[in-house]
Amino acid sequence: MAATVEMAASVLPSPARTDSRYGIGFAIAHDAADYCFALVDWWHGEHEIHQRLFSAPRERPEALRPHPSEAIGCVWEMAVTDFERRAWLRHVLANPEGPDPDAYIDAHFTGRV
């Protein structure tokens, strides 16, 4: 988890908030069967998720490097991405009262995948 947080801090766009970014994103730390993965995602524009994907050997999770293949995530990670997508729609894009980024940030994935 700590390696993912550290990686996110180093690769998220700067400045975080611009005319085309809310400055909001999410990260996924996944201790998978073959690698430790860190997925660092941020919302760009109103409806795009941009992502950087990193992996490390299971015995050295702090050694995260850009993942060497075209992978975008596994079915388990995508459950979290789907939650984030639905929360973004509910609180930002389809909110009848207008975009509420704070409500999006307050929404938390609590499931088990």
C-alpha atoms as a PDB file:
ATOM      1  CA  MET A   1       0.000   0.000   0.000  1.00  0.00           C
ATOM      2  CA  ALA A   2       2.753   2.439   0.941  1.00  0.00           C
ATOM      3  CA  ALA A   3       4.558   1.862  -2.368  1.00  0.00           C
ATOM      4  CA  THR A   4       1.346   2.628  -4.285  1.00  0.00           C
ATOM      5  CA  VAL A   5       0.777   5.867  -2.374  1.00  0.00           C
ATOM      6  CA  GLU A   6       4.388   6.915  -2.961  1.00  0.00           C
ATOM      7  CA  MET A   7       4.164   6.070  -6.667  1.00  0.00           C
ATOM      8  CA  ALA A   8       0.893   7.965  -7.048  1.00  0.00           C
ATOM      9  CA  ALA A   9       2.421  11.064  -5.512  1.00  0.00           C
ATOM     10  CA  SER A  10       5.255  10.947  -8.047  1.00  0.00           C
ATOM     11  CA  VAL A  11       3.229  10.331 -11.253  1.00  0.00           C
ATOM     12  CA  LEU A  12      -0.035  12.220 -10.885  1.00  0.00           C
ATOM     13  CA  PRO A  13      -0.255  15.247 -13.191  1.00  0.00           C
ATOM     14  CA  SER A  14       0.959  18.566 -11.913  1.00  0.00           C
ATOM     15  CA  PRO A  15      -0.702  20.883 -11.436  1.00  0.00           C
ATOM     16  CA  ALA A  16      -3.468  18.557 -10.333  1.00  0.00           C
ATOM     17  CA  ARG A  17      -6.298  20.964 -11.060  1.00  0.00           C
ATOM     18  CA  THR A  18      -6.546  22.667 -14.453  1.00  0.00           C
ATOM     19  CA  ASP A  19      -9.318  23.715 -16.816  1.00  0.00           C
ATOM     20  CA  SER A  20      -9.428  20.095 -18.028  1.00  0.00           C
ATOM     21  CA  ARG A  21      -8.918  18.275 -14.697  1.00  0.00           C
ATOM     22  CA  TYR A  22     -10.754  18.323 -11.386  1.00  0.00           C
ATOM     23  CA  GLY A  23      -7.560  17.236  -9.630  1.00  0.00           C
ATOM     24  CA  ILE A  24      -9.249  14.034  -8.461  1.00  0.00           C
ATOM     25  CA  GLY A  25      -8.189  10.430  -8.896  1.00  0.00           C
ATOM     26  CA  PHE A  26      -7.857   7.077  -7.182  1.00  0.00           C
ATOM     27  CA  ALA A  27      -5.265   4.358  -6.741  1.00  0.00           C
ATOM     28  CA  ILE A  28      -5.486   0.593  -6.450  1.00  0.00           C
ATOM     29  CA  ALA A  29      -2.878  -1.532  -4.666  1.00  0.00           C
ATOM     30  CA  HIS A  30      -3.222  -5.199  -5.615  1.00  0.00           C
ATOM     31  CA  ASP A  31      -1.151  -8.044  -4.208  1.00  0.00           C
ATOM     32  CA  ALA A  32      -1.867 -10.456  -7.065  1.00  0.00           C
ATOM     33  CA  ALA A  33      -0.695 -14.023  -7.575  1.00  0.00           C
ATOM     34  CA  ASP A  34       2.132 -13.014  -9.924  1.00  0.00           C
ATOM     35  CA  TYR A  35       3.017  -9.378  -9.119  1.00  0.00           C
ATOM     36  CA  CYS A  36       2.277  -6.502  -6.821  1.00  0.00           C
ATOM     37  CA  PHE A  37       0.355  -3.972  -8.894  1.00  0.00           C
ATOM     38  CA  ALA A  38      -0.226  -0.265  -8.458  1.00  0.00           C
ATOM     39  CA  LEU A  39      -2.843   1.367 -10.656  1.00  0.00           C
ATOM     40  CA  VAL A  40      -2.820   5.161 -10.451  1.00  0.00           C
ATOM     41  CA  ASP A  41      -5.863   6.772 -12.071  1.00  0.00           C
ATOM     42  CA  TRP A  42      -7.140  10.316 -12.437  1.00  0.00           C
ATOM     43  CA  TRP A  43     -10.125  11.975 -14.043  1.00  0.00           C
ATOM     44  CA  HIS A  44      -9.285  14.054 -17.078  1.00  0.00           C
ATOM     45  CA  GLY A  45     -11.939  16.274 -18.561  1.00  0.00           C
ATOM     46  CA  GLU A  46     -15.363  15.243 -17.452  1.00  0.00           C
ATOM     47  CA  HIS A  47     -15.414  11.624 -18.548  1.00  0.00           C
ATOM     48  CA  GLU A  48     -11.959  10.149 -19.126  1.00  0.00           C
ATOM     49  CA  ILE A  49      -9.939   8.018 -16.750  1.00  0.00           C
ATOM     50  CA  HIS A  50      -6.209   8.246 -17.347  1.00  0.00           C
ATOM     51  CA  GLN A  51      -4.023   5.559 -15.813  1.00  0.00           C
ATOM     52  CA  ARG A  52      -0.450   4.590 -15.104  1.00  0.00           C
ATOM     53  CA  LEU A  53       0.113   0.902 -14.305  1.00  0.00           C
ATOM     54  CA  PHE A  54       3.084  -0.317 -12.289  1.00  0.00           C
ATOM     55  CA  SER A  55       4.187  -3.722 -11.067  1.00  0.00           C
ATOM     56  CA  ALA A  56       6.819  -5.209  -8.804  1.00  0.00           C
ATOM     57  CA  PRO A  57       7.914  -8.696  -7.795  1.00  0.00           C
ATOM     58  CA  ARG A  58       5.773 -10.062  -4.962  1.00  0.00           C
ATOM     59  CA  GLU A  59       8.755 -10.248  -2.639  1.00  0.00           C
ATOM     60  CA  ARG A  60       9.719  -6.586  -3.351  1.00  0.00           C
ATOM     61  CA  PRO A  61       6.540  -4.477  -3.575  1.00  0.00           C
ATOM     62  CA  GLU A  62       8.546  -1.293  -3.113  1.00  0.00           C
ATOM     63  CA  ALA A  63      10.303  -1.933  -6.470  1.00  0.00           C
ATOM     64  CA  LEU A  64       7.396  -0.685  -8.598  1.00  0.00           C
ATOM     65  CA  ARG A  65       8.210   0.001 -12.238  1.00  0.00           C
ATOM     66  CA  PRO A  66       5.999   0.685 -15.269  1.00  0.00           C
ATOM     67  CA  HIS A  67       4.316  -2.612 -16.135  1.00  0.00           C
ATOM     68  CA  PRO A  68       5.919  -4.047 -19.304  1.00  0.00           C
ATOM     69  CA  SER A  69       2.727  -5.098 -21.128  1.00  0.00           C
ATOM     70  CA  GLU A  70      -0.516  -3.671 -22.442  1.00  0.00           C
ATOM     71  CA  ALA A  71      -2.534  -4.757 -19.387  1.00  0.00           C
ATOM     72  CA  ILE A  72      -5.172  -2.351 -18.077  1.00  0.00           C
ATOM     73  CA  GLY A  73      -6.203  -4.314 -15.012  1.00  0.00           C
ATOM     74  CA  CYS A  74      -7.622  -7.609 -13.870  1.00  0.00           C
ATOM     75  CA  VAL A  75     -11.243  -8.424 -13.157  1.00  0.00           C
ATOM     76  CA  TRP A  76     -10.691  -7.769  -9.427  1.00  0.00           C
ATOM     77  CA  GLU A  77      -9.125  -4.356  -9.959  1.00  0.00           C
ATOM     78  CA  MET A  78     -11.841  -3.466 -12.431  1.00  0.00           C
ATOM     79  CA  ALA A  79     -14.466  -3.945  -9.694  1.00  0.00           C
ATOM     80  CA  VAL A  80     -12.903  -0.954  -7.940  1.00  0.00           C
ATOM     81  CA  THR A  81     -12.652   0.990 -11.212  1.00  0.00           C
ATOM     82  CA  ASP A  82     -16.331   0.241 -11.861  1.00  0.00           C
ATOM     83  CA  PHE A  83     -17.233   1.563  -8.413  1.00  0.00           C
ATOM     84  CA  GLU A  84     -15.283   4.757  -9.132  1.00  0.00           C
ATOM     85  CA  ARG A  85     -16.967   5.120 -12.525  1.00  0.00           C
ATOM     86  CA  ARG A  86     -20.428   4.784 -11.012  1.00  0.00           C
ATOM     87  CA  ALA A  87     -19.600   7.206  -8.209  1.00  0.00           C
ATOM     88  CA  TRP A  88     -18.265   9.726 -10.751  1.00  0.00           C
ATOM     89  CA  LEU A  89     -21.449   9.451 -12.780  1.00  0.00           C
ATOM     90  CA  ARG A  90     -23.686   9.738  -9.699  1.00  0.00           C
ATOM     91  CA  HIS A  91     -21.901  12.640  -8.040  1.00  0.00           C
ATOM     92  CA  VAL A  92     -20.313  14.580 -10.901  1.00  0.00           C
ATOM     93  CA  LEU A  93     -21.701  13.903 -14.372  1.00  0.00           C
ATOM     94  CA  ALA A  94     -25.346  12.953 -13.727  1.00  0.00           C
ATOM     95  CA  ASN A  95     -25.974  14.814 -10.493  1.00  0.00           C
ATOM     96  CA  PRO A  96     -29.210  16.807 -11.022  1.00  0.00           C
ATOM     97  CA  GLU A  97     -27.875  19.503  -8.664  1.00  0.00           C
ATOM     98  CA  GLY A  98     -24.617  19.873 -10.595  1.00  0.00           C
ATOM     99  CA  PRO A  99     -21.150  18.410 -10.108  1.00  0.00           C
ATOM    100  CA  ASP A 100     -20.315  17.610  -6.488  1.00  0.00           C
ATOM    101  CA  PRO A 101     -16.649  16.549  -6.377  1.00  0.00           C
ATOM    102  CA  ASP A 102     -16.702  16.456  -2.562  1.00  0.00           C
ATOM    103  CA  ALA A 103     -19.499  13.848  -2.599  1.00  0.00           C
ATOM    104  CA  TYR A 104     -17.440  11.792  -5.048  1.00  0.00           C
ATOM    105  CA  ILE A 105     -14.416  11.970  -2.756  1.00  0.00           C
ATOM    106  CA  ASP A 106     -16.578  10.952   0.210  1.00  0.00           C
ATOM    107  CA  ALA A 107     -17.797   7.807  -1.633  1.00  0.00           C
ATOM    108  CA  HIS A 108     -15.675   4.797  -0.632  1.00  0.00           C
ATOM    109  CA  PHE A 109     -15.442   1.297  -2.015  1.00  0.00           C
ATOM    110  CA  THR A 110     -16.070  -1.065   0.904  1.00  0.00           C
ATOM    111  CA  GLY A 111     -16.617  -4.346  -0.905  1.00  0.00           C
ATOM    112  CA  ARG A 112     -14.456  -7.390  -0.936  1.00  0.00           C
ATOM    113  CA  VAL A 113     -13.202  -8.657  -4.289  1.00  0.00           C
END
